[in-house]
Amino acid sequence: MIVVTGSVTARPETFEEVRRLSLEHVDRSRQEPGCISHAVHVDCENPLRLVFVEQWADRAALAVHFAVPASGAFVRALRSLAEGPTTLDLYDASKIEKL
């Protein structure tokens, strides 16, 4: 499984647009093959920062997701509305038994 984390900090005047675009992106991504989960959360310490947490079946599914034109448009839109740089980290993970 591939775990993706990312974040964007909106400018105060762009937060609602960033939030709207992010929710649309999450909803669209959840319909894609290989998407296990896809969510966006507001950071409790910085309410202008949105944090994304995603799980994908494998790198192939994630590559298809990144190739979707709407995904690229979403990233470009976020960058234009952000306070600073966006972040994106990928992790190769496997579930372990409960401790």
PDB file of N, CA and C in Angstrom:
ATOM      1  N   MET A   1       0.853  -1.172   0.000  1.00  0.00           N
ATOM      2  CA  MET A   1       0.000   0.000   0.000  1.00  0.00           C
ATOM      3  C   MET A   1       0.898   1.233   0.000  1.00  0.00           C
ATOM      4  N   ILE A   2       0.451   2.265  -0.686  1.00  0.00           N
ATOM      5  CA  ILE A   2       1.147   3.540  -0.717  1.00  0.00           C
ATOM      6  C   ILE A   2       0.339   4.545   0.105  1.00  0.00           C
ATOM      7  N   VAL A   3       1.016   5.212   1.029  1.00  0.00           N
ATOM      8  CA  VAL A   3       0.400   6.249   1.840  1.00  0.00           C
ATOM      9  C   VAL A   3       0.951   7.588   1.353  1.00  0.00           C
ATOM     10  N   VAL A   4       0.055   8.513   1.128  1.00  0.00           N
ATOM     11  CA  VAL A   4       0.421   9.852   0.677  1.00  0.00           C
ATOM     12  C   VAL A   4      -0.035  10.847   1.734  1.00  0.00           C
ATOM     13  N   THR A   5       0.866  11.735   2.114  1.00  0.00           N
ATOM     14  CA  THR A   5       0.484  12.850   2.975  1.00  0.00           C
ATOM     15  C   THR A   5       0.864  14.136   2.251  1.00  0.00           C
ATOM     16  N   GLY A   6       0.069  15.150   2.444  1.00  0.00           N
ATOM     17  CA  GLY A   6       0.356  16.431   1.818  1.00  0.00           C
ATOM     18  C   GLY A   6      -0.320  17.537   2.588  1.00  0.00           C
ATOM     19  N   SER A   7       0.106  18.754   2.298  1.00  0.00           N
ATOM     20  CA  SER A   7      -0.533  19.882   2.968  1.00  0.00           C
ATOM     21  C   SER A   7      -0.435  21.131   2.113  1.00  0.00           C
ATOM     22  N   VAL A   8      -1.337  22.038   2.418  1.00  0.00           N
ATOM     23  CA  VAL A   8      -1.346  23.361   1.801  1.00  0.00           C
ATOM     24  C   VAL A   8      -1.824  24.345   2.857  1.00  0.00           C
ATOM     25  N   THR A   9      -1.171  25.493   2.906  1.00  0.00           N
ATOM     26  CA  THR A   9      -1.618  26.569   3.778  1.00  0.00           C
ATOM     27  C   THR A   9      -2.176  27.672   2.888  1.00  0.00           C
ATOM     28  N   ALA A  10      -3.443  27.957   3.087  1.00  0.00           N
ATOM     29  CA  ALA A  10      -4.124  28.980   2.284  1.00  0.00           C
ATOM     30  C   ALA A  10      -3.872  30.356   2.860  1.00  0.00           C
ATOM     31  N   ARG A  11      -3.974  31.345   2.018  1.00  0.00           N
ATOM     32  CA  ARG A  11      -4.020  32.719   2.502  1.00  0.00           C
ATOM     33  C   ARG A  11      -5.422  32.924   3.088  1.00  0.00           C
ATOM     34  N   PRO A  12      -5.571  33.810   4.055  1.00  0.00           N
ATOM     35  CA  PRO A  12      -6.904  33.986   4.666  1.00  0.00           C
ATOM     36  C   PRO A  12      -8.014  34.230   3.639  1.00  0.00           C
ATOM     37  N   GLU A  13      -7.731  35.021   2.633  1.00  0.00           N
ATOM     38  CA  GLU A  13      -8.756  35.349   1.644  1.00  0.00           C
ATOM     39  C   GLU A  13      -9.021  34.223   0.643  1.00  0.00           C
ATOM     40  N   THR A  14      -8.173  33.175   0.623  1.00  0.00           N
ATOM     41  CA  THR A  14      -8.368  32.079  -0.326  1.00  0.00           C
ATOM     42  C   THR A  14      -8.797  30.778   0.351  1.00  0.00           C
ATOM     43  N   PHE A  15      -8.911  30.787   1.690  1.00  0.00           N
ATOM     44  CA  PHE A  15      -9.181  29.531   2.394  1.00  0.00           C
ATOM     45  C   PHE A  15     -10.446  28.829   1.890  1.00  0.00           C
ATOM     46  N   GLU A  16     -11.535  29.537   1.760  1.00  0.00           N
ATOM     47  CA  GLU A  16     -12.792  28.881   1.357  1.00  0.00           C
ATOM     48  C   GLU A  16     -12.671  28.250  -0.026  1.00  0.00           C
ATOM     49  N   GLU A  17     -11.962  28.891  -0.933  1.00  0.00           N
ATOM     50  CA  GLU A  17     -11.759  28.315  -2.267  1.00  0.00           C
ATOM     51  C   GLU A  17     -10.851  27.088  -2.198  1.00  0.00           C
ATOM     52  N   VAL A  18      -9.793  27.166  -1.404  1.00  0.00           N
ATOM     53  CA  VAL A  18      -8.908  26.010  -1.219  1.00  0.00           C
ATOM     54  C   VAL A  18      -9.694  24.850  -0.618  1.00  0.00           C
ATOM     55  N   ARG A  19     -10.507  25.129   0.364  1.00  0.00           N
ATOM     56  CA  ARG A  19     -11.330  24.092   1.002  1.00  0.00           C
ATOM     57  C   ARG A  19     -12.286  23.466  -0.001  1.00  0.00           C
ATOM     58  N   ARG A  20     -12.975  24.291  -0.779  1.00  0.00           N
ATOM     59  CA  ARG A  20     -13.924  23.783  -1.776  1.00  0.00           C
ATOM     60  C   ARG A  20     -13.222  22.909  -2.814  1.00  0.00           C
ATOM     61  N   LEU A  21     -12.117  23.387  -3.347  1.00  0.00           N
ATOM     62  CA  LEU A  21     -11.370  22.611  -4.347  1.00  0.00           C
ATOM     63  C   LEU A  21     -10.855  21.302  -3.752  1.00  0.00           C
ATOM     64  N   SER A  22     -10.408  21.354  -2.503  1.00  0.00           N
ATOM     65  CA  SER A  22      -9.869  20.158  -1.843  1.00  0.00           C
ATOM     66  C   SER A  22     -10.951  19.106  -1.641  1.00  0.00           C
ATOM     67  N   LEU A  23     -12.124  19.528  -1.203  1.00  0.00           N
ATOM     68  CA  LEU A  23     -13.225  18.573  -1.027  1.00  0.00           C
ATOM     69  C   LEU A  23     -13.661  17.966  -2.356  1.00  0.00           C
ATOM     70  N   GLU A  24     -13.675  18.755  -3.418  1.00  0.00           N
ATOM     71  CA  GLU A  24     -13.994  18.220  -4.745  1.00  0.00           C
ATOM     72  C   GLU A  24     -12.949  17.194  -5.176  1.00  0.00           C
ATOM     73  N   HIS A  25     -11.676  17.520  -4.934  1.00  0.00           N
ATOM     74  CA  HIS A  25     -10.595  16.606  -5.305  1.00  0.00           C
ATOM     75  C   HIS A  25     -10.694  15.291  -4.526  1.00  0.00           C
ATOM     76  N   VAL A  26     -10.953  15.383  -3.238  1.00  0.00           N
ATOM     77  CA  VAL A  26     -11.087  14.180  -2.406  1.00  0.00           C
ATOM     78  C   VAL A  26     -12.245  13.320  -2.904  1.00  0.00           C
ATOM     79  N   ASP A  27     -13.381  13.933  -3.149  1.00  0.00           N
ATOM     80  CA  ASP A  27     -14.549  13.190  -3.621  1.00  0.00           C
ATOM     81  C   ASP A  27     -14.262  12.499  -4.953  1.00  0.00           C
ATOM     82  N   ARG A  28     -13.637  13.220  -5.871  1.00  0.00           N
ATOM     83  CA  ARG A  28     -13.298  12.657  -7.183  1.00  0.00           C
ATOM     84  C   ARG A  28     -12.285  11.509  -7.036  1.00  0.00           C
ATOM     85  N   SER A  29     -11.277  11.715  -6.207  1.00  0.00           N
ATOM     86  CA  SER A  29     -10.220  10.712  -6.042  1.00  0.00           C
ATOM     87  C   SER A  29     -10.739   9.423  -5.433  1.00  0.00           C
ATOM     88  N   ARG A  30     -11.692   9.513  -4.530  1.00  0.00           N
ATOM     89  CA  ARG A  30     -12.251   8.319  -3.894  1.00  0.00           C
ATOM     90  C   ARG A  30     -12.904   7.378  -4.900  1.00  0.00           C
ATOM     91  N   GLN A  31     -13.285   7.894  -6.061  1.00  0.00           N
ATOM     92  CA  GLN A  31     -13.939   7.075  -7.084  1.00  0.00           C
ATOM     93  C   GLN A  31     -12.934   6.355  -7.979  1.00  0.00           C
ATOM     94  N   GLU A  32     -11.666   6.686  -7.868  1.00  0.00           N
ATOM     95  CA  GLU A  32     -10.654   6.120  -8.752  1.00  0.00           C
ATOM     96  C   GLU A  32     -10.266   4.705  -8.334  1.00  0.00           C
ATOM     97  N   PRO A  33      -9.981   3.845  -9.328  1.00  0.00           N
ATOM     98  CA  PRO A  33      -9.533   2.485  -9.010  1.00  0.00           C
ATOM     99  C   PRO A  33      -8.244   2.524  -8.177  1.00  0.00           C
ATOM    100  N   GLY A  34      -8.196   1.704  -7.161  1.00  0.00           N
ATOM    101  CA  GLY A  34      -7.001   1.612  -6.326  1.00  0.00           C
ATOM    102  C   GLY A  34      -6.970   2.575  -5.165  1.00  0.00           C
ATOM    103  N   CYS A  35      -7.954   3.471  -5.063  1.00  0.00           N
ATOM    104  CA  CYS A  35      -8.010   4.387  -3.922  1.00  0.00           C
ATOM    105  C   CYS A  35      -8.649   3.653  -2.747  1.00  0.00           C
ATOM    106  N   ILE A  36      -7.893   3.493  -1.691  1.00  0.00           N
ATOM    107  CA  ILE A  36      -8.395   2.847  -0.479  1.00  0.00           C
ATOM    108  C   ILE A  36      -9.065   3.894   0.410  1.00  0.00           C
ATOM    109  N   SER A  37      -8.406   5.033   0.559  1.00  0.00           N
ATOM    110  CA  SER A  37      -8.994   6.146   1.308  1.00  0.00           C
ATOM    111  C   SER A  37      -8.336   7.440   0.856  1.00  0.00           C
ATOM    112  N   HIS A  38      -9.080   8.521   1.019  1.00  0.00           N
ATOM    113  CA  HIS A  38      -8.578   9.840   0.616  1.00  0.00           C
ATOM    114  C   HIS A  38      -9.333  10.851   1.455  1.00  0.00           C
ATOM    115  N   ALA A  39      -8.611  11.653   2.237  1.00  0.00           N
ATOM    116  CA  ALA A  39      -9.271  12.585   3.143  1.00  0.00           C
ATOM    117  C   ALA A  39      -8.481  13.879   3.249  1.00  0.00           C
ATOM    118  N   VAL A  40      -9.179  14.926   3.639  1.00  0.00           N
ATOM    119  CA  VAL A  40      -8.552  16.216   3.914  1.00  0.00           C
ATOM    120  C   VAL A  40      -9.047  16.680   5.276  1.00  0.00           C
ATOM    121  N   HIS A  41      -8.134  17.265   6.048  1.00  0.00           N
ATOM    122  CA  HIS A  41      -8.433  17.701   7.415  1.00  0.00           C
ATOM    123  C   HIS A  41      -7.896  19.108   7.639  1.00  0.00           C
ATOM    124  N   VAL A  42      -8.550  19.855   8.509  1.00  0.00           N
ATOM    125  CA  VAL A  42      -8.054  21.161   8.921  1.00  0.00           C
ATOM    126  C   VAL A  42      -7.100  20.952  10.089  1.00  0.00           C
ATOM    127  N   ASP A  43      -5.928  21.542  10.007  1.00  0.00           N
ATOM    128  CA  ASP A  43      -4.917  21.464  11.061  1.00  0.00           C
ATOM    129  C   ASP A  43      -5.423  22.215  12.303  1.00  0.00           C
ATOM    130  N   CYS A  44      -5.453  21.543  13.438  1.00  0.00           N
ATOM    131  CA  CYS A  44      -5.948  22.162  14.682  1.00  0.00           C
ATOM    132  C   CYS A  44      -5.057  23.291  15.171  1.00  0.00           C
ATOM    133  N   GLU A  45      -3.782  23.270  14.811  1.00  0.00           N
ATOM    134  CA  GLU A  45      -2.861  24.314  15.258  1.00  0.00           C
ATOM    135  C   GLU A  45      -2.793  25.494  14.292  1.00  0.00           C
ATOM    136  N   ASN A  46      -3.143  25.257  13.039  1.00  0.00           N
ATOM    137  CA  ASN A  46      -3.158  26.323  12.039  1.00  0.00           C
ATOM    138  C   ASN A  46      -4.400  26.138  11.179  1.00  0.00           C
ATOM    139  N   PRO A  47      -5.480  26.837  11.478  1.00  0.00           N
ATOM    140  CA  PRO A  47      -6.739  26.611  10.769  1.00  0.00           C
ATOM    141  C   PRO A  47      -6.733  27.016   9.291  1.00  0.00           C
ATOM    142  N   LEU A  48      -5.644  27.593   8.809  1.00  0.00           N
ATOM    143  CA  LEU A  48      -5.529  27.889   7.379  1.00  0.00           C
ATOM    144  C   LEU A  48      -4.807  26.767   6.626  1.00  0.00           C
ATOM    145  N   ARG A  49      -4.354  25.751   7.362  1.00  0.00           N
ATOM    146  CA  ARG A  49      -3.596  24.644   6.767  1.00  0.00           C
ATOM    147  C   ARG A  49      -4.500  23.419   6.629  1.00  0.00           C
ATOM    148  N   LEU A  50      -4.550  22.874   5.419  1.00  0.00           N
ATOM    149  CA  LEU A  50      -5.273  21.634   5.165  1.00  0.00           C
ATOM    150  C   LEU A  50      -4.261  20.514   4.978  1.00  0.00           C
ATOM    151  N   VAL A  51      -4.577  19.356   5.559  1.00  0.00           N
ATOM    152  CA  VAL A  51      -3.691  18.196   5.511  1.00  0.00           C
ATOM    153  C   VAL A  51      -4.426  17.061   4.810  1.00  0.00           C
ATOM    154  N   PHE A  52      -3.753  16.451   3.842  1.00  0.00           N
ATOM    155  CA  PHE A  52      -4.309  15.343   3.077  1.00  0.00           C
ATOM    156  C   PHE A  52      -3.668  14.045   3.527  1.00  0.00           C
ATOM    157  N   VAL A  53      -4.485  13.003   3.687  1.00  0.00           N
ATOM    158  CA  VAL A  53      -4.001  11.665   3.998  1.00  0.00           C
ATOM    159  C   VAL A  53      -4.698  10.707   3.034  1.00  0.00           C
ATOM    160  N   GLU A  54      -3.885   9.963   2.284  1.00  0.00           N
ATOM    161  CA  GLU A  54      -4.424   9.072   1.261  1.00  0.00           C
ATOM    162  C   GLU A  54      -3.796   7.692   1.399  1.00  0.00           C
ATOM    163  N   GLN A  55      -4.551   6.678   0.986  1.00  0.00           N
ATOM    164  CA  GLN A  55      -4.035   5.314   0.883  1.00  0.00           C
ATOM    165  C   GLN A  55      -4.392   4.796  -0.500  1.00  0.00           C
ATOM    166  N   TRP A  56      -3.386   4.257  -1.190  1.00  0.00           N
ATOM    167  CA  TRP A  56      -3.570   3.708  -2.527  1.00  0.00           C
ATOM    168  C   TRP A  56      -3.089   2.267  -2.547  1.00  0.00           C
ATOM    169  N   ALA A  57      -3.725   1.451  -3.348  1.00  0.00           N
ATOM    170  CA  ALA A  57      -3.412   0.023  -3.397  1.00  0.00           C
ATOM    171  C   ALA A  57      -1.956  -0.220  -3.770  1.00  0.00           C
ATOM    172  N   ASP A  58      -1.442   0.553  -4.724  1.00  0.00           N
ATOM    173  CA  ASP A  58      -0.068   0.365  -5.178  1.00  0.00           C
ATOM    174  C   ASP A  58       0.395   1.591  -5.952  1.00  0.00           C
ATOM    175  N   ARG A  59       1.668   1.570  -6.359  1.00  0.00           N
ATOM    176  CA  ARG A  59       2.224   2.721  -7.080  1.00  0.00           C
ATOM    177  C   ARG A  59       1.552   2.919  -8.428  1.00  0.00           C
ATOM    178  N   ALA A  60       1.132   1.831  -9.052  1.00  0.00           N
ATOM    179  CA  ALA A  60       0.473   1.943 -10.356  1.00  0.00           C
ATOM    180  C   ALA A  60      -0.826   2.744 -10.236  1.00  0.00           C
ATOM    181  N   ALA A  61      -1.617   2.450  -9.218  1.00  0.00           N
ATOM    182  CA  ALA A  61      -2.873   3.186  -9.007  1.00  0.00           C
ATOM    183  C   ALA A  61      -2.584   4.660  -8.731  1.00  0.00           C
ATOM    184  N   LEU A  62      -1.540   4.925  -7.952  1.00  0.00           N
ATOM    185  CA  LEU A  62      -1.187   6.309  -7.656  1.00  0.00           C
ATOM    186  C   LEU A  62      -0.706   7.029  -8.917  1.00  0.00           C
ATOM    187  N   ALA A  63       0.048   6.339  -9.748  1.00  0.00           N
ATOM    188  CA  ALA A  63       0.517   6.940 -11.001  1.00  0.00           C
ATOM    189  C   ALA A  63      -0.658   7.312 -11.901  1.00  0.00           C
ATOM    190  N   VAL A  64      -1.656   6.454 -11.957  1.00  0.00           N
ATOM    191  CA  VAL A  64      -2.855   6.767 -12.745  1.00  0.00           C
ATOM    192  C   VAL A  64      -3.545   7.994 -12.158  1.00  0.00           C
ATOM    193  N   HIS A  65      -3.640   8.053 -10.832  1.00  0.00           N
ATOM    194  CA  HIS A  65      -4.251   9.213 -10.158  1.00  0.00           C
ATOM    195  C   HIS A  65      -3.512  10.502 -10.514  1.00  0.00           C
ATOM    196  N   PHE A  66      -2.184  10.468 -10.454  1.00  0.00           N
ATOM    197  CA  PHE A  66      -1.401  11.661 -10.768  1.00  0.00           C
ATOM    198  C   PHE A  66      -1.565  12.073 -12.227  1.00  0.00           C
ATOM    199  N   ALA A  67      -1.860  11.111 -13.113  1.00  0.00           N
ATOM    200  CA  ALA A  67      -2.001  11.398 -14.544  1.00  0.00           C
ATOM    201  C   ALA A  67      -3.379  11.940 -14.919  1.00  0.00           C
ATOM    202  N   VAL A  68      -4.342  11.852 -14.018  1.00  0.00           N
ATOM    203  CA  VAL A  68      -5.686  12.370 -14.295  1.00  0.00           C
ATOM    204  C   VAL A  68      -5.584  13.892 -14.474  1.00  0.00           C
ATOM    205  N   PRO A  69      -6.059  14.421 -15.601  1.00  0.00           N
ATOM    206  CA  PRO A  69      -5.949  15.874 -15.813  1.00  0.00           C
ATOM    207  C   PRO A  69      -6.509  16.716 -14.669  1.00  0.00           C
ATOM    208  N   ALA A  70      -7.591  16.279 -14.058  1.00  0.00           N
ATOM    209  CA  ALA A  70      -8.184  17.039 -12.950  1.00  0.00           C
ATOM    210  C   ALA A  70      -7.238  17.099 -11.745  1.00  0.00           C
ATOM    211  N   SER A  71      -6.431  16.060 -11.546  1.00  0.00           N
ATOM    212  CA  SER A  71      -5.470  16.084 -10.438  1.00  0.00           C
ATOM    213  C   SER A  71      -4.413  17.156 -10.674  1.00  0.00           C
ATOM    214  N   GLY A  72      -3.905  17.226 -11.895  1.00  0.00           N
ATOM    215  CA  GLY A  72      -2.923  18.263 -12.218  1.00  0.00           C
ATOM    216  C   GLY A  72      -3.502  19.661 -12.095  1.00  0.00           C
ATOM    217  N   ALA A  73      -4.724  19.828 -12.555  1.00  0.00           N
ATOM    218  CA  ALA A  73      -5.383  21.135 -12.453  1.00  0.00           C
ATOM    219  C   ALA A  73      -5.582  21.525 -10.991  1.00  0.00           C
ATOM    220  N   PHE A  74      -5.914  20.547 -10.151  1.00  0.00           N
ATOM    221  CA  PHE A  74      -6.099  20.795  -8.724  1.00  0.00           C
ATOM    222  C   PHE A  74      -4.799  21.303  -8.096  1.00  0.00           C
ATOM    223  N   VAL A  75      -3.695  20.632  -8.384  1.00  0.00           N
ATOM    224  CA  VAL A  75      -2.400  21.032  -7.820  1.00  0.00           C
ATOM    225  C   VAL A  75      -2.030  22.441  -8.278  1.00  0.00           C
ATOM    226  N   ARG A  76      -2.214  22.737  -9.541  1.00  0.00           N
ATOM    227  CA  ARG A  76      -1.900  24.078 -10.052  1.00  0.00           C
ATOM    228  C   ARG A  76      -2.768  25.139  -9.373  1.00  0.00           C
ATOM    229  N   ALA A  77      -4.040  24.838  -9.189  1.00  0.00           N
ATOM    230  CA  ALA A  77      -4.940  25.789  -8.528  1.00  0.00           C
ATOM    231  C   ALA A  77      -4.512  26.030  -7.087  1.00  0.00           C
ATOM    232  N   LEU A  78      -4.173  24.951  -6.373  1.00  0.00           N
ATOM    233  CA  LEU A  78      -3.740  25.109  -4.982  1.00  0.00           C
ATOM    234  C   LEU A  78      -2.509  25.987  -4.879  1.00  0.00           C
ATOM    235  N   ARG A  79      -1.548  25.740  -5.755  1.00  0.00           N
ATOM    236  CA  ARG A  79      -0.314  26.525  -5.703  1.00  0.00           C
ATOM    237  C   ARG A  79      -0.591  28.014  -5.889  1.00  0.00           C
ATOM    238  N   SER A  80      -1.570  28.344  -6.699  1.00  0.00           N
ATOM    239  CA  SER A  80      -1.874  29.756  -6.931  1.00  0.00           C
ATOM    240  C   SER A  80      -2.611  30.390  -5.751  1.00  0.00           C
ATOM    241  N   LEU A  81      -3.222  29.571  -4.906  1.00  0.00           N
ATOM    242  CA  LEU A  81      -4.007  30.068  -3.768  1.00  0.00           C
ATOM    243  C   LEU A  81      -3.281  29.937  -2.431  1.00  0.00           C
ATOM    244  N   ALA A  82      -2.116  29.297  -2.441  1.00  0.00           N
ATOM    245  CA  ALA A  82      -1.411  28.963  -1.204  1.00  0.00           C
ATOM    246  C   ALA A  82      -0.582  30.122  -0.678  1.00  0.00           C
ATOM    247  N   GLU A  83      -0.389  30.093   0.638  1.00  0.00           N
ATOM    248  CA  GLU A  83       0.475  31.059   1.324  1.00  0.00           C
ATOM    249  C   GLU A  83       1.941  30.787   1.007  1.00  0.00           C
ATOM    250  N   GLY A  84       2.288  29.527   0.887  1.00  0.00           N
ATOM    251  CA  GLY A  84       3.670  29.118   0.623  1.00  0.00           C
ATOM    252  C   GLY A  84       3.651  27.821  -0.161  1.00  0.00           C
ATOM    253  N   PRO A  85       4.766  27.098  -0.155  1.00  0.00           N
ATOM    254  CA  PRO A  85       4.808  25.854  -0.919  1.00  0.00           C
ATOM    255  C   PRO A  85       3.892  24.772  -0.337  1.00  0.00           C
ATOM    256  N   THR A  86       3.376  23.936  -1.209  1.00  0.00           N
ATOM    257  CA  THR A  86       2.611  22.769  -0.783  1.00  0.00           C
ATOM    258  C   THR A  86       3.603  21.653  -0.467  1.00  0.00           C
ATOM    259  N   THR A  87       3.143  20.633   0.272  1.00  0.00           N
ATOM    260  CA  THR A  87       4.001  19.486   0.554  1.00  0.00           C
ATOM    261  C   THR A  87       3.337  18.228   0.023  1.00  0.00           C
ATOM    262  N   LEU A  88       4.154  17.236  -0.298  1.00  0.00           N
ATOM    263  CA  LEU A  88       3.662  15.935  -0.744  1.00  0.00           C
ATOM    264  C   LEU A  88       4.722  14.906  -0.405  1.00  0.00           C
ATOM    265  N   ASP A  89       4.350  13.884   0.364  1.00  0.00           N
ATOM    266  CA  ASP A  89       5.259  12.809   0.735  1.00  0.00           C
ATOM    267  C   ASP A  89       4.593  11.478   0.452  1.00  0.00           C
ATOM    268  N   LEU A  90       5.356  10.527  -0.083  1.00  0.00           N
ATOM    269  CA  LEU A  90       4.868   9.187  -0.404  1.00  0.00           C
ATOM    270  C   LEU A  90       5.600   8.175   0.458  1.00  0.00           C
ATOM    271  N   TYR A  91       4.845   7.173   0.938  1.00  0.00           N
ATOM    272  CA  TYR A  91       5.411   6.126   1.783  1.00  0.00           C
ATOM    273  C   TYR A  91       4.924   4.773   1.290  1.00  0.00           C
ATOM    274  N   ASP A  92       5.824   3.825   1.234  1.00  0.00           N
ATOM    275  CA  ASP A  92       5.464   2.441   0.938  1.00  0.00           C
ATOM    276  C   ASP A  92       5.208   1.778   2.292  1.00  0.00           C
ATOM    277  N   ALA A  93       3.992   1.327   2.527  1.00  0.00           N
ATOM    278  CA  ALA A  93       3.622   0.845   3.854  1.00  0.00           C
ATOM    279  C   ALA A  93       2.914  -0.501   3.769  1.00  0.00           C
ATOM    280  N   SER A  94       3.013  -1.230   4.846  1.00  0.00           N
ATOM    281  CA  SER A  94       2.233  -2.454   4.977  1.00  0.00           C
ATOM    282  C   SER A  94       1.617  -2.453   6.363  1.00  0.00           C
ATOM    283  N   LYS A  95       0.409  -2.958   6.440  1.00  0.00           N
ATOM    284  CA  LYS A  95      -0.310  -2.984   7.715  1.00  0.00           C
ATOM    285  C   LYS A  95       0.278  -4.076   8.596  1.00  0.00           C
ATOM    286  N   ILE A  96       0.459  -3.762   9.879  1.00  0.00           N
ATOM    287  CA  ILE A  96       0.930  -4.750  10.828  1.00  0.00           C
ATOM    288  C   ILE A  96      -0.207  -5.126  11.755  1.00  0.00           C
ATOM    289  N   GLU A  97      -0.049  -6.249  12.402  1.00  0.00           N
ATOM    290  CA  GLU A  97      -1.067  -6.695  13.352  1.00  0.00           C
ATOM    291  C   GLU A  97      -1.159  -5.726  14.523  1.00  0.00           C
ATOM    292  N   LYS A  98      -2.300  -5.684  15.162  1.00  0.00           N
ATOM    293  CA  LYS A  98      -2.466  -4.845  16.334  1.00  0.00           C
ATOM    294  C   LYS A  98      -1.504  -5.304  17.420  1.00  0.00           C
ATOM    295  N   LEU A  99      -1.017  -4.350  18.169  1.00  0.00           N
ATOM    296  CA  LEU A  99      -0.085  -4.665  19.264  1.00  0.00           C
ATOM    297  C   LEU A  99      -0.814  -5.071  20.507  1.00  0.00           C
TER     298      LEU A  99
END
